Amino acid sequence: MKKFKKTGFSFFLLVIFWSMLTAQAQDKTFTNPLVPNGPDPWAYRHTDGNYYFMSTSGNKLAIYKSKTLSGIKQAKPQVVWTPPASGPNSKDIWAPEIHFLDGKWYIYYTATDKANPGDKTRYVFVLENASQDPLTGNWVDKGKVNTNYSGLDGSVFEHQKKRYFVYSAYVGPQSRLFIAEMKNPWTISEKQVEIAKPTYDWEKFKDREILEGPQFLEGKKGTLHIIYSASACWDDNYALGMLTASAKSDILHPASWQKSPNPVFKASKENNVYGPGHNSFTKSPDGQEDWIVYHAKSEANGECSGRSTRIQKFTWNPNGTPDFGKPLAIETAIVKPSGE
């Protein structure tokens, strides 16, 4: 009887110990997705120590605020703007990005006109907020970015103390990537240069030839990169491509940019990941790790639906170019970003 009690007590302690180890492991890891319905994700790490996250919701702009990158999964979105009932930015509110520029907050987003919706009336628009916290204060409509073409997916980056705007322009049947220097956060220069167009089969899907979602990434050995999404969002093989330029080159010159012949991040059938794309980049809380934020589907459904926000750490190749690896399965336990 005493032996049974001792054995039972030992088993009880073993269960407790195992539970503690499991809890500790779970506390150090997370699983994707961060946002189950989160296409076109954007994560911005601000100097206040917070991450500000946005994604396409279609009829509003909402911001997630989190002290940690993986904590976006538990954050509650706060709606900060809804489109007007009519006008050029009244429908299809897509691909929002929040930036802090010149002491103010800006949101760049894509929209079209409810009265005449479609690619011909689709443009990038800008909102401005002078509050210290973007979840407070008023968002002022600064209007449409003065692009030469209709288009979508506008993004902003800085290089050598100059600020640039990149977007996907509708040129005939194609979506091409253009770049321009910025005069202020809502106005770009008249010199708007095409730096890439669809040329490879993986950048095309049936009658669509698409390069979109351009994102700037500084390389590790004197190079600059623009990572873009290729093909249609309903293509299960939607993937990421890469442009590379020397950091010393004139990035407003088309010849400065060289396109990689193959995708740098693509679907993984073995991991049940399809259509990975429209990404952004950010750092871990301690600034030591690089993370890619992207959307993908767990089903090859031939649709844009089912895209969820996912994140994973990436590394660098010996030549200083990024190595994104393969998109991980959603059941994979991922070690949380360093500093969390």
Protein backbone atom coordinates (compact mmCIF):
# COMPACT_ATOMS: atom_id res chain seq x y z
CA MET A 1 0.00 0.00 0.00
CA LYS A 2 2.81 2.40 0.92
CA LYS A 3 4.65 1.45 -2.31
CA PHE A 4 1.54 2.26 -4.35
CA LYS A 5 1.15 5.64 -2.68
CA LYS A 6 4.81 6.45 -3.31
CA THR A 7 4.51 5.45 -6.95
CA GLY A 8 1.30 7.44 -7.35
CA PHE A 9 2.88 10.51 -5.74
CA SER A 10 5.93 10.22 -8.02
CA PHE A 11 3.66 10.03 -11.06
CA PHE A 12 1.80 13.11 -9.81
CA LEU A 13 5.09 15.02 -9.50
CA LEU A 14 6.10 13.87 -12.97
CA VAL A 15 2.82 15.21 -14.41
CA ILE A 16 3.35 18.54 -12.67
CA PHE A 17 6.95 18.75 -13.90
CA TRP A 18 5.93 17.88 -17.47
CA SER A 19 3.15 20.48 -17.37
CA MET A 20 5.63 23.12 -16.23
CA LEU A 21 8.05 22.24 -19.04
CA THR A 22 5.21 22.35 -21.59
CA ALA A 23 4.05 25.73 -20.28
CA GLN A 24 7.59 27.11 -20.46
CA ALA A 25 8.00 25.83 -24.02
CA GLN A 26 4.70 27.37 -25.06
CA ASP A 27 5.70 30.65 -23.42
CA LYS A 28 8.86 30.75 -25.56
CA THR A 29 7.19 29.82 -28.85
CA PHE A 30 4.17 30.74 -30.95
CA THR A 31 2.42 29.44 -34.03
CA ASN A 32 1.12 31.17 -37.11
CA PRO A 33 -1.13 32.76 -38.17
CA LEU A 34 -0.97 36.03 -36.24
CA VAL A 35 -4.16 37.29 -37.88
CA PRO A 36 -6.46 34.64 -39.44
CA ASN A 37 -7.89 37.09 -41.97
CA GLY A 38 -4.96 39.36 -42.67
CA PRO A 39 -4.00 39.93 -46.31
CA ASP A 40 -1.37 42.52 -47.27
CA PRO A 41 0.16 42.77 -43.78
CA TRP A 42 2.33 45.66 -42.62
CA ALA A 43 4.20 45.76 -39.30
CA TYR A 44 6.07 48.87 -38.16
CA ARG A 45 8.32 48.93 -35.08
CA HIS A 46 8.37 52.45 -33.64
CA THR A 47 10.83 54.16 -31.33
CA ASP A 48 8.25 54.01 -28.51
CA GLY A 49 8.85 50.25 -28.34
CA ASN A 50 5.51 49.31 -29.89
CA TYR A 51 4.66 47.44 -33.06
CA TYR A 52 1.89 48.97 -35.18
CA PHE A 53 0.25 46.50 -37.50
CA MET A 54 -2.25 46.90 -40.34
CA SER A 55 -3.72 44.70 -43.07
CA THR A 56 -6.42 44.85 -45.72
CA SER A 57 -9.97 44.76 -44.39
CA GLY A 58 -11.69 46.27 -47.41
CA ASN A 59 -13.99 48.84 -45.84
CA LYS A 60 -11.95 50.46 -43.03
CA LEU A 61 -8.50 51.10 -41.62
CA ALA A 62 -7.63 49.53 -38.28
CA ILE A 63 -4.41 49.51 -36.25
CA TYR A 64 -3.14 46.77 -33.94
CA LYS A 65 -0.75 47.96 -31.21
CA SER A 66 1.53 45.48 -29.44
CA LYS A 67 4.69 45.58 -27.31
CA THR A 68 5.88 42.41 -29.04
CA LEU A 69 5.81 41.15 -32.59
CA SER A 70 4.24 37.80 -31.76
CA GLY A 71 1.84 39.65 -29.44
CA ILE A 72 0.00 41.02 -32.46
CA LYS A 73 -1.82 37.70 -32.26
CA GLN A 74 -3.52 38.82 -29.03
CA ALA A 75 -3.87 42.53 -29.87
CA LYS A 76 -7.28 44.06 -30.56
CA PRO A 77 -7.61 46.14 -33.73
CA GLN A 78 -8.85 49.69 -33.35
CA VAL A 79 -10.64 51.27 -36.30
CA VAL A 80 -9.14 54.71 -36.95
CA TRP A 81 -10.77 55.62 -40.29
CA THR A 82 -13.67 54.65 -42.49
CA PRO A 83 -14.04 55.74 -46.12
CA PRO A 84 -16.44 58.48 -47.21
CA ALA A 85 -19.80 57.51 -48.69
CA SER A 86 -18.66 58.66 -52.12
CA GLY A 87 -15.63 59.97 -53.92
CA PRO A 88 -12.30 58.70 -55.27
CA ASN A 89 -11.37 56.84 -52.05
CA SER A 90 -14.77 55.39 -51.16
CA LYS A 91 -14.31 51.68 -51.99
CA ASP A 92 -11.86 48.76 -51.78
CA ILE A 93 -9.59 50.01 -49.02
CA TRP A 94 -6.50 47.88 -49.51
CA ALA A 95 -2.86 47.45 -48.46
CA PRO A 96 -2.50 50.04 -45.68
CA GLU A 97 0.92 51.00 -44.34
CA ILE A 98 1.57 53.19 -41.30
CA HIS A 99 4.76 55.29 -41.21
CA PHE A 100 6.17 57.93 -38.85
CA LEU A 101 7.66 60.74 -40.95
CA ASP A 102 8.81 64.23 -39.96
CA GLY A 103 7.24 63.94 -36.53
CA LYS A 104 3.79 62.85 -37.73
CA TRP A 105 1.99 59.61 -38.54
CA TYR A 106 0.96 58.74 -42.09
CA ILE A 107 -1.11 55.92 -43.50
CA TYR A 108 -0.77 55.04 -47.18
CA TYR A 109 -3.60 52.96 -48.58
CA THR A 110 -5.13 51.95 -51.89
CA ALA A 111 -8.73 52.82 -52.83
CA THR A 112 -11.07 53.27 -55.77
CA ASP A 113 -14.26 55.19 -56.53
CA LYS A 114 -17.51 53.50 -55.56
CA ALA A 115 -19.29 55.22 -58.45
CA ASN A 116 -16.82 53.87 -60.99
CA PRO A 117 -14.75 51.12 -59.31
CA GLY A 118 -11.86 49.29 -60.89
CA ASP A 119 -8.22 49.47 -61.83
CA LYS A 120 -8.59 52.65 -63.88
CA THR A 121 -9.73 54.60 -60.81
CA ARG A 122 -7.53 52.83 -58.25
CA TYR A 123 -4.89 55.01 -56.60
CA VAL A 124 -2.80 55.39 -53.45
CA PHE A 125 -4.07 57.87 -50.86
CA VAL A 126 -2.58 59.37 -47.70
CA LEU A 127 -3.86 60.19 -44.20
CA GLU A 128 -1.98 62.31 -41.65
CA ASN A 129 -2.12 62.35 -37.84
CA ALA A 130 -0.13 64.77 -35.64
CA SER A 131 -0.84 62.87 -32.39
CA GLN A 132 1.95 61.09 -30.54
CA ASP A 133 -0.15 57.92 -30.46
CA PRO A 134 -1.71 56.98 -33.84
CA LEU A 135 -4.66 55.37 -32.04
CA THR A 136 -5.68 58.83 -30.82
CA GLY A 137 -6.18 62.19 -32.52
CA ASN A 138 -7.60 62.93 -35.95
CA TRP A 139 -6.62 61.43 -39.27
CA VAL A 140 -6.62 64.16 -41.92
CA ASP A 141 -7.16 63.22 -45.56
CA LYS A 142 -4.17 64.48 -47.58
CA GLY A 143 -5.65 63.19 -50.82
CA LYS A 144 -4.25 61.11 -53.65
CA VAL A 145 -0.55 60.64 -54.28
CA ASN A 146 0.23 62.32 -57.62
CA THR A 147 1.29 59.21 -59.51
CA ASN A 148 1.38 59.29 -63.30
CA TYR A 149 -0.63 56.07 -63.47
CA SER A 150 -3.44 54.50 -61.54
CA GLY A 151 -2.10 51.76 -59.30
CA LEU A 152 -1.83 50.32 -55.83
CA ASP A 153 0.44 49.24 -52.96
CA GLY A 154 2.35 52.45 -52.29
CA SER A 155 5.28 52.27 -49.87
CA VAL A 156 7.89 54.70 -48.55
CA PHE A 157 11.56 54.27 -47.66
CA GLU A 158 14.64 56.39 -47.04
CA HIS A 159 18.11 56.02 -48.50
CA GLN A 160 21.08 58.39 -48.14
CA LYS A 161 18.92 61.05 -46.49
CA LYS A 162 16.39 61.05 -49.32
CA ARG A 163 12.87 59.67 -49.22
CA TYR A 164 11.39 57.56 -51.98
CA PHE A 165 7.97 56.28 -52.97
CA VAL A 166 7.46 52.94 -54.76
CA TYR A 167 4.21 51.53 -56.08
CA SER A 168 2.64 49.14 -58.57
CA ALA A 169 1.35 51.01 -61.62
CA TYR A 170 -1.23 49.84 -64.12
CA VAL A 171 0.41 50.19 -67.52
CA GLY A 172 -1.74 48.58 -70.19
CA PRO A 173 -2.40 44.93 -69.24
CA GLN A 174 0.52 44.85 -66.79
CA SER A 175 1.31 46.00 -63.29
CA ARG A 176 4.81 47.48 -63.23
CA LEU A 177 6.97 48.89 -60.44
CA PHE A 178 7.74 52.60 -60.35
CA ILE A 179 9.89 54.72 -58.05
CA ALA A 180 10.05 58.47 -57.40
CA GLU A 181 11.67 60.83 -54.92
CA MET A 182 9.23 62.45 -52.50
CA LYS A 183 8.74 66.21 -52.07
CA ASN A 184 6.75 65.69 -48.88
CA PRO A 185 4.87 62.74 -47.35
CA TRP A 186 1.93 63.09 -49.77
CA THR A 187 3.62 64.45 -52.93
CA ILE A 188 6.14 62.79 -55.23
CA SER A 189 8.41 64.24 -57.88
CA GLU A 190 7.36 64.53 -61.52
CA LYS A 191 10.23 62.17 -62.37
CA GLN A 192 8.64 58.75 -61.91
CA VAL A 193 10.75 55.87 -63.18
CA GLU A 194 9.78 52.34 -64.14
CA ILE A 195 12.24 49.87 -62.60
CA ALA A 196 10.60 46.51 -63.34
CA LYS A 197 7.89 44.84 -65.40
CA PRO A 198 6.72 41.20 -65.61
CA THR A 199 9.10 39.16 -67.74
CA TYR A 200 9.15 35.65 -66.24
CA ASP A 201 6.41 33.02 -66.40
CA TRP A 202 6.07 32.98 -62.59
CA GLU A 203 5.18 36.69 -62.72
CA LYS A 204 2.19 35.97 -64.96
CA PHE A 205 -1.10 34.14 -64.52
CA LYS A 206 -3.35 33.56 -67.53
CA ASP A 207 -4.26 37.03 -68.79
CA ARG A 208 -2.65 38.93 -65.91
CA GLU A 209 0.99 40.05 -65.68
CA ILE A 210 1.58 41.50 -62.24
CA LEU A 211 4.33 42.95 -60.06
CA GLU A 212 2.92 44.48 -56.86
CA GLY A 213 3.51 45.08 -53.16
CA PRO A 214 7.08 46.51 -53.47
CA GLN A 215 9.00 46.59 -50.18
CA PHE A 216 12.44 48.08 -49.54
CA LEU A 217 15.12 46.00 -47.78
CA GLU A 218 18.70 47.08 -47.22
CA GLY A 219 21.22 44.33 -47.90
CA LYS A 220 24.18 43.43 -45.72
CA LYS A 221 27.02 44.10 -48.15
CA GLY A 222 26.37 47.36 -49.96
CA THR A 223 23.22 46.35 -51.80
CA LEU A 224 19.62 47.52 -51.79
CA HIS A 225 16.65 45.29 -52.51
CA ILE A 226 13.04 45.73 -53.45
CA ILE A 227 11.07 42.60 -52.67
CA TYR A 228 7.84 42.41 -54.68
CA SER A 229 4.88 40.10 -55.11
CA ALA A 230 4.46 38.44 -58.49
CA SER A 231 1.40 37.13 -60.33
CA ALA A 232 -2.26 37.44 -59.29
CA CYS A 233 -3.32 37.11 -55.66
CA TRP A 234 -5.70 34.32 -56.71
CA ASP A 235 -2.79 32.35 -58.17
CA ASP A 236 -1.80 29.64 -55.68
CA ASN A 237 1.79 30.14 -56.85
CA TYR A 238 1.82 33.85 -56.01
CA ALA A 239 5.40 34.42 -54.83
CA LEU A 240 8.06 36.99 -53.93
CA GLY A 241 10.62 38.28 -56.40
CA MET A 242 13.63 40.51 -55.80
CA LEU A 243 15.28 43.52 -57.40
CA THR A 244 18.87 44.38 -56.42
CA ALA A 245 20.86 47.59 -56.80
CA SER A 246 24.18 48.85 -55.49
CA ALA A 247 23.77 51.22 -52.56
CA LYS A 248 26.11 53.59 -54.44
CA SER A 249 24.04 53.60 -57.64
CA ASP A 250 21.43 56.06 -58.84
CA ILE A 251 18.32 54.19 -57.76
CA LEU A 252 16.19 56.40 -60.00
CA HIS A 253 17.93 54.87 -63.01
CA PRO A 254 16.22 51.70 -64.30
CA ALA A 255 19.54 50.06 -65.19
CA SER A 256 20.58 50.18 -61.52
CA TRP A 257 18.08 47.45 -60.68
CA GLN A 258 18.69 43.80 -61.55
CA LYS A 259 15.91 41.24 -61.24
CA SER A 260 16.48 37.78 -59.77
CA PRO A 261 15.40 35.11 -62.29
CA ASN A 262 13.62 32.96 -59.69
CA PRO A 263 11.27 33.63 -56.77
CA VAL A 264 13.00 34.24 -53.44
CA PHE A 265 10.00 33.01 -51.41
CA LYS A 266 7.39 30.68 -52.85
CA ALA A 267 4.66 28.14 -52.10
CA SER A 268 5.52 25.01 -50.14
CA LYS A 269 3.22 22.12 -50.94
CA GLU A 270 4.78 19.93 -48.23
CA ASN A 271 3.99 22.61 -45.63
CA ASN A 272 0.52 23.36 -47.03
CA VAL A 273 1.48 26.96 -47.74
CA TYR A 274 0.19 28.56 -50.92
CA GLY A 275 0.44 32.04 -52.39
CA PRO A 276 2.94 33.54 -49.91
CA GLY A 277 3.42 37.20 -50.65
CA HIS A 278 2.66 40.88 -50.08
CA ASN A 279 5.12 41.16 -47.25
CA SER A 280 6.77 43.70 -45.00
CA PHE A 281 9.93 43.57 -42.88
CA THR A 282 10.63 44.37 -39.28
CA LYS A 283 13.09 43.70 -36.46
CA SER A 284 12.79 41.76 -33.20
CA PRO A 285 12.25 43.90 -30.06
CA ASP A 286 15.98 43.89 -29.30
CA GLY A 287 16.82 44.78 -32.91
CA GLN A 288 18.98 41.67 -33.39
CA GLU A 289 16.77 39.58 -35.68
CA ASP A 290 15.17 40.19 -39.07
CA TRP A 291 11.59 39.02 -39.60
CA ILE A 292 9.41 38.81 -42.67
CA VAL A 293 5.68 39.49 -42.28
CA TYR A 294 3.58 38.03 -45.09
CA HIS A 295 0.25 36.55 -46.03
CA ALA A 296 -0.38 33.04 -47.29
CA LYS A 297 -3.11 30.42 -47.69
CA SER A 298 -3.34 26.91 -46.27
CA GLU A 299 -5.41 25.72 -49.21
CA ALA A 300 -4.79 25.82 -52.95
CA ASN A 301 -8.20 27.33 -53.65
CA GLY A 302 -7.41 29.47 -56.69
CA GLU A 303 -8.83 32.49 -54.85
CA CYS A 304 -7.63 35.57 -52.97
CA SER A 305 -9.66 34.43 -49.97
CA GLY A 306 -8.12 32.56 -47.05
CA ARG A 307 -5.02 34.74 -46.72
CA SER A 308 -3.71 34.97 -43.16
CA THR A 309 -0.86 36.99 -41.66
CA ARG A 310 2.25 34.97 -40.79
CA ILE A 311 5.75 35.82 -39.64
CA GLN A 312 9.08 34.04 -39.55
CA LYS A 313 12.71 34.93 -39.00
CA PHE A 314 15.03 35.15 -41.99
CA THR A 315 18.78 35.13 -42.40
CA TRP A 316 21.37 36.38 -44.90
CA ASN A 317 23.42 34.72 -47.60
CA PRO A 318 27.23 35.15 -47.67
CA ASN A 319 26.87 37.73 -50.46
CA GLY A 320 24.61 39.89 -48.28
CA THR A 321 21.30 39.03 -49.96
CA PRO A 322 18.34 37.83 -47.87
CA ASP A 323 17.59 34.14 -47.39
CA PHE A 324 13.90 33.77 -46.58
CA GLY A 325 13.93 29.98 -46.58
CA LYS A 326 10.62 28.14 -46.98
CA PRO A 327 7.29 29.36 -45.58
CA LEU A 328 6.60 27.35 -42.43
CA ALA A 329 3.52 25.23 -41.78
CA ILE A 330 1.04 26.90 -39.46
CA GLU A 331 1.40 24.13 -36.86
CA THR A 332 5.16 24.74 -36.57
CA ALA A 333 6.24 26.02 -33.14
CA ILE A 334 8.40 29.10 -33.78
CA VAL A 335 10.74 30.57 -31.17
CA LYS A 336 9.55 34.07 -30.33
CA PRO A 337 11.56 37.03 -31.60
CA SER A 338 14.57 37.83 -29.43
CA GLY A 339 13.89 40.39 -26.77
CA GLU A 340 10.29 39.33 -26.17
